Amino acid sequence: MLYYISKLNPLTYQLTSMRTVIFGMDFDINTYVTIFLSLIMFVLAISVIIRSELLGDER
């Protein structure tokens, strides 16, 4: 049961990818998926920040 719950957790894939990079193992599909999703989230966060109206008026 715990195995299937861990498969739903995105941090599991990130941890596996970090271990792959640190220990110099061959990249697997989890590493590529994690890198791809991280890049998409990074670009999305930048676009949201650029389009948002930041308020800097502190009185």
N, C-alpha and C. Protein backbone atom coordinates (compact mmCIF):
# COMPACT_ATOMS: atom_id res chain seq x y z
N MET A 1 0.83 -1.20 0.00
CA MET A 1 0.00 0.00 0.00
C MET A 1 0.86 1.25 0.00
N LEU A 2 1.90 1.25 0.83
CA LEU A 2 2.78 2.41 0.90
C LEU A 2 3.51 2.63 -0.42
N TYR A 3 3.81 1.55 -1.12
CA TYR A 3 4.47 1.65 -2.42
C TYR A 3 3.63 2.44 -3.41
N TYR A 4 2.34 2.20 -3.46
CA TYR A 4 1.46 2.90 -4.39
C TYR A 4 1.25 4.35 -4.00
N ILE A 5 1.22 4.64 -2.72
CA ILE A 5 1.10 6.02 -2.26
C ILE A 5 2.35 6.81 -2.64
N SER A 6 3.51 6.17 -2.51
CA SER A 6 4.76 6.87 -2.85
C SER A 6 4.84 7.14 -4.35
N LYS A 7 4.21 6.33 -5.16
CA LYS A 7 4.21 6.57 -6.61
C LYS A 7 3.43 7.82 -6.98
N LEU A 8 2.50 8.24 -6.13
CA LEU A 8 1.71 9.44 -6.39
C LEU A 8 2.42 10.72 -5.91
N ASN A 9 3.46 10.57 -5.12
CA ASN A 9 4.16 11.71 -4.54
C ASN A 9 5.25 12.19 -5.51
N PRO A 10 5.16 13.44 -5.97
CA PRO A 10 6.18 13.94 -6.91
C PRO A 10 7.56 14.07 -6.27
N LEU A 11 7.63 14.20 -4.96
CA LEU A 11 8.93 14.29 -4.31
C LEU A 11 9.71 13.00 -4.43
N THR A 12 9.01 11.88 -4.60
CA THR A 12 9.68 10.60 -4.81
C THR A 12 10.51 10.64 -6.09
N TYR A 13 9.95 11.21 -7.13
CA TYR A 13 10.67 11.30 -8.40
C TYR A 13 11.84 12.28 -8.30
N GLN A 14 11.65 13.38 -7.58
CA GLN A 14 12.74 14.33 -7.41
C GLN A 14 13.88 13.73 -6.60
N LEU A 15 13.56 12.98 -5.57
CA LEU A 15 14.60 12.33 -4.77
C LEU A 15 15.36 11.30 -5.59
N THR A 16 14.66 10.52 -6.39
CA THR A 16 15.31 9.55 -7.26
C THR A 16 16.22 10.24 -8.26
N SER A 17 15.78 11.36 -8.80
CA SER A 17 16.59 12.09 -9.77
C SER A 17 17.84 12.69 -9.12
N MET A 18 17.69 13.22 -7.91
CA MET A 18 18.86 13.77 -7.21
C MET A 18 19.87 12.67 -6.90
N ARG A 19 19.41 11.51 -6.48
CA ARG A 19 20.32 10.39 -6.23
C ARG A 19 21.04 9.97 -7.51
N THR A 20 20.32 9.97 -8.62
CA THR A 20 20.91 9.60 -9.90
C THR A 20 22.03 10.55 -10.28
N VAL A 21 21.81 11.84 -10.09
CA VAL A 21 22.82 12.84 -10.45
C VAL A 21 23.99 12.79 -9.48
N ILE A 22 23.72 12.70 -8.20
CA ILE A 22 24.80 12.73 -7.20
C ILE A 22 25.70 11.51 -7.30
N PHE A 23 25.12 10.35 -7.47
CA PHE A 23 25.92 9.13 -7.50
C PHE A 23 26.41 8.75 -8.89
N GLY A 24 26.13 9.59 -9.89
CA GLY A 24 26.66 9.38 -11.23
C GLY A 24 26.08 8.19 -11.97
N MET A 25 24.84 7.84 -11.67
CA MET A 25 24.20 6.72 -12.36
C MET A 25 23.65 7.19 -13.70
N ASP A 26 23.28 6.25 -14.53
CA ASP A 26 22.67 6.60 -15.82
C ASP A 26 21.29 7.20 -15.59
N PHE A 27 20.96 8.20 -16.41
CA PHE A 27 19.65 8.83 -16.29
C PHE A 27 18.57 7.85 -16.75
N ASP A 28 17.47 7.85 -16.03
CA ASP A 28 16.32 7.05 -16.44
C ASP A 28 15.17 7.99 -16.78
N ILE A 29 14.05 7.44 -17.08
CA ILE A 29 12.90 8.25 -17.50
C ILE A 29 12.43 9.18 -16.38
N ASN A 30 12.54 8.76 -15.12
CA ASN A 30 12.13 9.61 -14.00
C ASN A 30 12.94 10.90 -13.95
N THR A 31 14.22 10.80 -14.25
CA THR A 31 15.07 11.99 -14.23
C THR A 31 14.65 12.96 -15.32
N TYR A 32 14.40 12.47 -16.50
CA TYR A 32 14.00 13.34 -17.60
C TYR A 32 12.62 13.98 -17.34
N VAL A 33 11.71 13.21 -16.79
CA VAL A 33 10.38 13.75 -16.47
C VAL A 33 10.49 14.83 -15.40
N THR A 34 11.31 14.59 -14.39
CA THR A 34 11.48 15.58 -13.32
C THR A 34 12.10 16.86 -13.83
N ILE A 35 13.12 16.75 -14.66
CA ILE A 35 13.75 17.94 -15.23
C ILE A 35 12.77 18.70 -16.12
N PHE A 36 12.03 17.98 -16.93
CA PHE A 36 11.06 18.61 -17.82
C PHE A 36 9.96 19.34 -17.04
N LEU A 37 9.40 18.68 -16.03
CA LEU A 37 8.35 19.33 -15.23
C LEU A 37 8.89 20.51 -14.43
N SER A 38 10.12 20.41 -13.95
CA SER A 38 10.72 21.52 -13.21
C SER A 38 10.91 22.73 -14.12
N LEU A 39 11.35 22.50 -15.34
CA LEU A 39 11.51 23.61 -16.28
C LEU A 39 10.18 24.26 -16.63
N ILE A 40 9.15 23.45 -16.81
CA ILE A 40 7.82 24.00 -17.10
C ILE A 40 7.32 24.84 -15.92
N MET A 41 7.48 24.35 -14.70
CA MET A 41 7.05 25.11 -13.52
C MET A 41 7.86 26.39 -13.35
N PHE A 42 9.14 26.34 -13.68
CA PHE A 42 9.99 27.52 -13.58
C PHE A 42 9.53 28.60 -14.56
N VAL A 43 9.28 28.22 -15.80
CA VAL A 43 8.82 29.17 -16.82
C VAL A 43 7.44 29.70 -16.45
N LEU A 44 6.57 28.85 -15.95
CA LEU A 44 5.24 29.29 -15.54
C LEU A 44 5.31 30.29 -14.38
N ALA A 45 6.18 30.02 -13.42
CA ALA A 45 6.32 30.94 -12.27
C ALA A 45 6.85 32.29 -12.73
N ILE A 46 7.81 32.30 -13.64
CA ILE A 46 8.35 33.56 -14.14
C ILE A 46 7.28 34.34 -14.88
N SER A 47 6.50 33.67 -15.72
CA SER A 47 5.47 34.38 -16.48
C SER A 47 4.38 34.93 -15.56
N VAL A 48 4.03 34.22 -14.50
CA VAL A 48 3.03 34.73 -13.56
C VAL A 48 3.57 35.93 -12.80
N ILE A 49 4.83 35.89 -12.39
CA ILE A 49 5.42 37.01 -11.66
C ILE A 49 5.52 38.24 -12.55
N ILE A 50 5.88 38.06 -13.81
CA ILE A 50 6.00 39.19 -14.73
C ILE A 50 4.64 39.83 -14.97
N ARG A 51 3.59 39.04 -15.09
CA ARG A 51 2.26 39.57 -15.38
C ARG A 51 1.54 40.11 -14.15
N SER A 52 1.99 39.77 -12.97
CA SER A 52 1.30 40.23 -11.77
C SER A 52 1.67 41.67 -11.46
N GLU A 53 0.74 42.34 -10.85
CA GLU A 53 0.96 43.73 -10.45
C GLU A 53 1.47 43.72 -9.01
N LEU A 54 2.76 43.94 -8.89
CA LEU A 54 3.37 43.91 -7.57
C LEU A 54 3.15 45.25 -6.86
N LEU A 55 2.76 45.19 -5.63
CA LEU A 55 2.51 46.39 -4.86
C LEU A 55 3.69 46.63 -3.93
N GLY A 56 4.26 47.82 -4.01
CA GLY A 56 5.40 48.14 -3.19
C GLY A 56 5.17 49.36 -2.33
N ASP A 57 3.91 49.76 -2.17
CA ASP A 57 3.61 50.94 -1.36
C ASP A 57 3.45 50.55 0.10
N GLU A 58 4.47 50.82 0.86
CA GLU A 58 4.37 50.63 2.31
C GLU A 58 4.43 52.00 2.94
N ARG A 59 3.47 52.29 3.77
CA ARG A 59 3.41 53.62 4.38
C ARG A 59 3.63 53.53 5.85
